[in-house]
N, C-alpha and C. Protein backbone atom coordinates (compact mmCIF):
# COMPACT_ATOMS: atom_id res chain seq x y z
N MET A 1 90.72 -220.31 61.77
CA MET A 1 90.44 -218.99 61.22
C MET A 1 91.76 -218.27 60.96
N PHE A 2 91.87 -217.68 59.78
CA PHE A 2 93.07 -216.95 59.39
C PHE A 2 92.92 -215.47 59.73
N HIS A 3 94.01 -214.90 60.12
CA HIS A 3 94.04 -213.46 60.33
C HIS A 3 94.59 -212.84 59.05
N ILE A 4 94.02 -211.73 58.62
CA ILE A 4 94.43 -211.11 57.36
C ILE A 4 95.92 -210.75 57.36
N LYS A 5 96.47 -210.44 58.53
CA LYS A 5 97.88 -210.08 58.62
C LYS A 5 98.78 -211.23 58.16
N SER A 6 98.37 -212.45 58.36
CA SER A 6 99.17 -213.60 57.94
C SER A 6 99.06 -213.85 56.43
N LEU A 7 98.05 -213.33 55.79
CA LEU A 7 97.85 -213.53 54.36
C LEU A 7 98.56 -212.48 53.50
N ILE A 8 98.83 -211.32 54.06
CA ILE A 8 99.43 -210.23 53.29
C ILE A 8 100.79 -210.62 52.70
N PRO A 9 101.74 -211.19 53.47
CA PRO A 9 103.03 -211.57 52.87
C PRO A 9 102.90 -212.56 51.72
N GLN A 10 101.97 -213.49 51.82
CA GLN A 10 101.75 -214.45 50.75
C GLN A 10 101.24 -213.75 49.49
N PHE A 11 100.33 -212.83 49.67
CA PHE A 11 99.78 -212.08 48.55
C PHE A 11 100.86 -211.25 47.86
N LEU A 12 101.67 -210.55 48.66
CA LEU A 12 102.73 -209.72 48.10
C LEU A 12 103.73 -210.55 47.32
N LYS A 13 104.09 -211.69 47.86
CA LYS A 13 105.05 -212.56 47.18
C LYS A 13 104.46 -213.07 45.88
N LYS A 14 103.23 -213.47 45.91
CA LYS A 14 102.58 -214.03 44.74
C LYS A 14 102.48 -213.00 43.62
N LYS A 15 102.20 -211.79 43.93
CA LYS A 15 102.01 -210.74 42.93
C LYS A 15 103.29 -209.98 42.61
N GLN A 16 104.39 -210.34 43.23
CA GLN A 16 105.68 -209.69 43.07
C GLN A 16 105.63 -208.20 43.36
N ILE A 17 104.68 -207.83 44.16
CA ILE A 17 104.55 -206.44 44.58
C ILE A 17 105.69 -206.09 45.52
N LYS A 18 106.15 -207.07 46.26
CA LYS A 18 107.22 -206.84 47.21
C LYS A 18 108.46 -206.27 46.51
N LYS A 19 108.81 -206.81 45.34
CA LYS A 19 109.97 -206.31 44.59
C LYS A 19 109.75 -204.88 44.13
N GLN A 20 108.54 -204.57 43.72
CA GLN A 20 108.24 -203.22 43.26
C GLN A 20 108.30 -202.23 44.41
N ILE A 21 107.79 -202.63 45.57
CA ILE A 21 107.85 -201.76 46.75
C ILE A 21 109.30 -201.54 47.16
N GLU A 22 110.09 -202.61 47.11
CA GLU A 22 111.51 -202.51 47.45
C GLU A 22 112.23 -201.56 46.48
N ALA A 23 111.91 -201.63 45.19
CA ALA A 23 112.53 -200.78 44.19
C ALA A 23 112.21 -199.31 44.44
N VAL A 24 110.98 -199.02 44.80
CA VAL A 24 110.58 -197.64 45.11
C VAL A 24 111.36 -197.13 46.32
N GLY A 25 111.50 -197.99 47.32
CA GLY A 25 112.26 -197.61 48.52
C GLY A 25 113.71 -197.32 48.21
N ILE A 26 114.33 -198.14 47.37
CA ILE A 26 115.73 -197.93 46.97
C ILE A 26 115.86 -196.60 46.23
N CYS A 27 114.93 -196.31 45.34
CA CYS A 27 114.98 -195.04 44.58
C CYS A 27 114.83 -193.84 45.51
N LYS A 28 113.97 -193.93 46.51
CA LYS A 28 113.81 -192.82 47.45
C LYS A 28 115.08 -192.60 48.26
N ILE A 29 115.70 -193.68 48.71
CA ILE A 29 116.96 -193.57 49.46
C ILE A 29 118.03 -192.95 48.56
N ALA A 30 118.11 -193.42 47.32
CA ALA A 30 119.09 -192.90 46.37
C ALA A 30 118.87 -191.40 46.11
N ASP A 31 117.62 -191.00 45.94
CA ASP A 31 117.33 -189.57 45.71
C ASP A 31 117.80 -188.71 46.88
N ARG A 32 117.57 -189.18 48.08
CA ARG A 32 118.00 -188.42 49.26
C ARG A 32 119.53 -188.34 49.33
N ILE A 33 120.21 -189.43 49.06
CA ILE A 33 121.67 -189.45 49.09
C ILE A 33 122.23 -188.56 48.00
N LEU A 34 121.64 -188.60 46.81
CA LEU A 34 122.10 -187.74 45.70
C LEU A 34 121.90 -186.27 46.03
N LYS A 35 120.77 -185.94 46.64
CA LYS A 35 120.51 -184.55 47.01
C LYS A 35 121.52 -184.07 48.05
N GLU A 36 121.83 -184.92 49.03
CA GLU A 36 122.83 -184.56 50.04
C GLU A 36 124.21 -184.39 49.42
N ALA A 37 124.56 -185.26 48.47
CA ALA A 37 125.89 -185.24 47.87
C ALA A 37 126.10 -184.08 46.91
N PHE A 38 125.06 -183.73 46.15
CA PHE A 38 125.22 -182.74 45.10
C PHE A 38 124.44 -181.45 45.34
N GLY A 39 123.63 -181.42 46.38
CA GLY A 39 122.94 -180.20 46.75
C GLY A 39 121.86 -179.73 45.80
N SER A 40 121.42 -180.59 44.92
CA SER A 40 120.34 -180.20 44.01
C SER A 40 119.54 -181.43 43.63
N GLU A 41 118.48 -181.21 42.90
CA GLU A 41 117.65 -182.31 42.43
C GLU A 41 117.85 -182.54 40.93
N ASP A 42 119.05 -182.26 40.46
CA ASP A 42 119.37 -182.46 39.04
C ASP A 42 119.65 -183.91 38.70
N ALA A 43 119.72 -184.77 39.72
CA ALA A 43 119.91 -186.21 39.52
C ALA A 43 118.80 -186.93 40.27
N LYS A 44 118.11 -187.82 39.57
CA LYS A 44 116.99 -188.55 40.15
C LYS A 44 117.13 -190.03 39.81
N ALA A 45 116.87 -190.87 40.79
CA ALA A 45 116.83 -192.31 40.55
C ALA A 45 115.57 -192.62 39.75
N VAL A 46 115.74 -193.27 38.60
CA VAL A 46 114.61 -193.55 37.72
C VAL A 46 114.03 -194.93 37.99
N PHE A 47 114.89 -195.94 38.08
CA PHE A 47 114.40 -197.27 38.40
C PHE A 47 115.49 -198.13 39.01
N PHE A 48 115.04 -199.19 39.67
CA PHE A 48 115.94 -200.17 40.25
C PHE A 48 115.42 -201.54 39.85
N LYS A 49 116.28 -202.31 39.16
CA LYS A 49 115.89 -203.64 38.72
C LYS A 49 117.15 -204.49 38.54
N ASN A 50 117.07 -205.74 38.92
CA ASN A 50 118.18 -206.68 38.78
C ASN A 50 119.48 -206.15 39.38
N SER A 51 119.40 -205.58 40.55
CA SER A 51 120.54 -205.04 41.31
C SER A 51 121.18 -203.83 40.65
N THR A 52 120.52 -203.23 39.67
CA THR A 52 121.05 -202.06 38.97
C THR A 52 120.14 -200.86 39.21
N LEU A 53 120.77 -199.77 39.62
CA LEU A 53 120.06 -198.51 39.85
C LEU A 53 120.40 -197.57 38.70
N GLN A 54 119.37 -197.04 38.03
CA GLN A 54 119.60 -196.08 36.96
C GLN A 54 119.25 -194.69 37.45
N ILE A 55 120.16 -193.76 37.21
CA ILE A 55 120.00 -192.38 37.64
C ILE A 55 119.95 -191.47 36.42
N LYS A 56 118.92 -190.62 36.36
CA LYS A 56 118.77 -189.66 35.28
C LYS A 56 119.40 -188.34 35.72
N CYS A 57 120.29 -187.81 34.89
CA CYS A 57 121.03 -186.58 35.21
C CYS A 57 120.65 -185.47 34.23
N SER A 58 120.72 -184.24 34.72
CA SER A 58 120.35 -183.11 33.87
C SER A 58 121.45 -182.75 32.87
N ASN A 59 122.70 -183.15 33.15
CA ASN A 59 123.79 -182.82 32.23
C ASN A 59 124.92 -183.85 32.34
N SER A 60 125.84 -183.81 31.39
CA SER A 60 126.91 -184.80 31.33
C SER A 60 127.94 -184.62 32.44
N VAL A 61 128.13 -183.39 32.90
CA VAL A 61 129.08 -183.15 33.99
C VAL A 61 128.61 -183.86 35.26
N LEU A 62 127.34 -183.73 35.56
CA LEU A 62 126.78 -184.39 36.73
C LEU A 62 126.82 -185.91 36.58
N ALA A 63 126.52 -186.41 35.39
CA ALA A 63 126.57 -187.85 35.14
C ALA A 63 127.98 -188.38 35.37
N ASN A 64 128.97 -187.64 34.92
CA ASN A 64 130.36 -188.04 35.11
C ASN A 64 130.73 -188.02 36.59
N GLU A 65 130.29 -187.01 37.30
CA GLU A 65 130.57 -186.91 38.74
C GLU A 65 129.94 -188.07 39.51
N ILE A 66 128.75 -188.46 39.12
CA ILE A 66 128.10 -189.60 39.76
C ILE A 66 128.87 -190.88 39.47
N GLN A 67 129.34 -191.04 38.25
CA GLN A 67 130.13 -192.23 37.92
C GLN A 67 131.42 -192.28 38.74
N LEU A 68 132.02 -191.12 38.97
CA LEU A 68 133.24 -191.07 39.79
C LEU A 68 132.96 -191.45 41.25
N ARG A 69 131.76 -191.12 41.73
CA ARG A 69 131.41 -191.38 43.13
C ARG A 69 130.47 -192.58 43.30
N LYS A 70 130.29 -193.37 42.27
CA LYS A 70 129.26 -194.42 42.31
C LYS A 70 129.53 -195.47 43.39
N GLU A 71 130.77 -195.77 43.68
CA GLU A 71 131.07 -196.75 44.73
C GLU A 71 130.60 -196.24 46.09
N ARG A 72 130.86 -194.97 46.36
CA ARG A 72 130.45 -194.39 47.64
C ARG A 72 128.92 -194.34 47.73
N ILE A 73 128.27 -193.94 46.64
CA ILE A 73 126.80 -193.87 46.61
C ILE A 73 126.22 -195.27 46.82
N ARG A 74 126.76 -196.24 46.11
CA ARG A 74 126.29 -197.63 46.22
C ARG A 74 126.45 -198.13 47.66
N ASN A 75 127.61 -197.86 48.25
CA ASN A 75 127.86 -198.31 49.62
C ASN A 75 126.91 -197.65 50.62
N GLU A 76 126.62 -196.37 50.44
CA GLU A 76 125.70 -195.68 51.34
C GLU A 76 124.29 -196.26 51.25
N ILE A 77 123.84 -196.55 50.04
CA ILE A 77 122.51 -197.13 49.87
C ILE A 77 122.46 -198.51 50.52
N ASN A 78 123.44 -199.34 50.22
CA ASN A 78 123.47 -200.70 50.77
C ASN A 78 123.56 -200.69 52.29
N GLU A 79 124.34 -199.75 52.83
CA GLU A 79 124.45 -199.65 54.28
C GLU A 79 123.12 -199.29 54.92
N GLU A 80 122.41 -198.36 54.29
CA GLU A 80 121.11 -197.94 54.83
C GLU A 80 120.08 -199.06 54.75
N VAL A 81 120.12 -199.83 53.67
CA VAL A 81 119.17 -200.93 53.50
C VAL A 81 119.54 -202.10 54.42
N GLY A 82 120.82 -202.26 54.66
CA GLY A 82 121.27 -203.33 55.54
C GLY A 82 121.70 -204.59 54.83
N LYS A 83 121.79 -204.53 53.50
CA LYS A 83 122.29 -205.66 52.72
C LYS A 83 122.79 -205.14 51.38
N GLU A 84 123.58 -205.98 50.70
CA GLU A 84 124.10 -205.57 49.40
C GLU A 84 123.05 -205.84 48.34
N ILE A 85 122.30 -204.80 48.05
CA ILE A 85 121.20 -204.93 47.10
C ILE A 85 121.53 -204.22 45.78
N VAL A 86 122.20 -203.07 45.87
CA VAL A 86 122.62 -202.33 44.68
C VAL A 86 124.04 -202.77 44.33
N LYS A 87 124.19 -203.31 43.13
CA LYS A 87 125.52 -203.76 42.70
C LYS A 87 126.08 -202.90 41.58
N ASN A 88 125.21 -202.20 40.87
CA ASN A 88 125.66 -201.40 39.74
C ASN A 88 124.84 -200.12 39.67
N ILE A 89 125.49 -199.04 39.24
CA ILE A 89 124.81 -197.75 39.04
C ILE A 89 125.08 -197.28 37.63
N LEU A 90 124.02 -196.99 36.90
CA LEU A 90 124.12 -196.45 35.54
C LEU A 90 123.56 -195.03 35.55
N THR A 91 124.11 -194.20 34.69
CA THR A 91 123.59 -192.84 34.55
C THR A 91 123.04 -192.64 33.14
N LYS A 92 122.04 -191.79 33.07
CA LYS A 92 121.39 -191.45 31.80
C LYS A 92 121.22 -189.94 31.78
N ILE A 93 121.55 -189.32 30.68
CA ILE A 93 121.42 -187.86 30.55
C ILE A 93 120.10 -187.57 29.86
N GLY A 94 119.37 -186.65 30.44
CA GLY A 94 118.11 -186.32 29.80
C GLY A 94 117.20 -185.47 30.58
């Protein structure tokens, strides 16, 4: 007899839901770090895919500031996750 708890990881892997859940978690961590760093919600993590995090910024000054600090932001996210998962950060104005 199988216990449902043993079937959940197989189901998540099969449906690639695990990657989507991981991406949401990375975006939430990034949003919190961005809010702490810049003191506002003018920058939001939009998506995470293929080791790249895209951040939407309200203006070009903020986008430039994020690019200047992207190594620190990337390191903070990776440290919190416990592995090097974010390798690149892109900004988008809009």
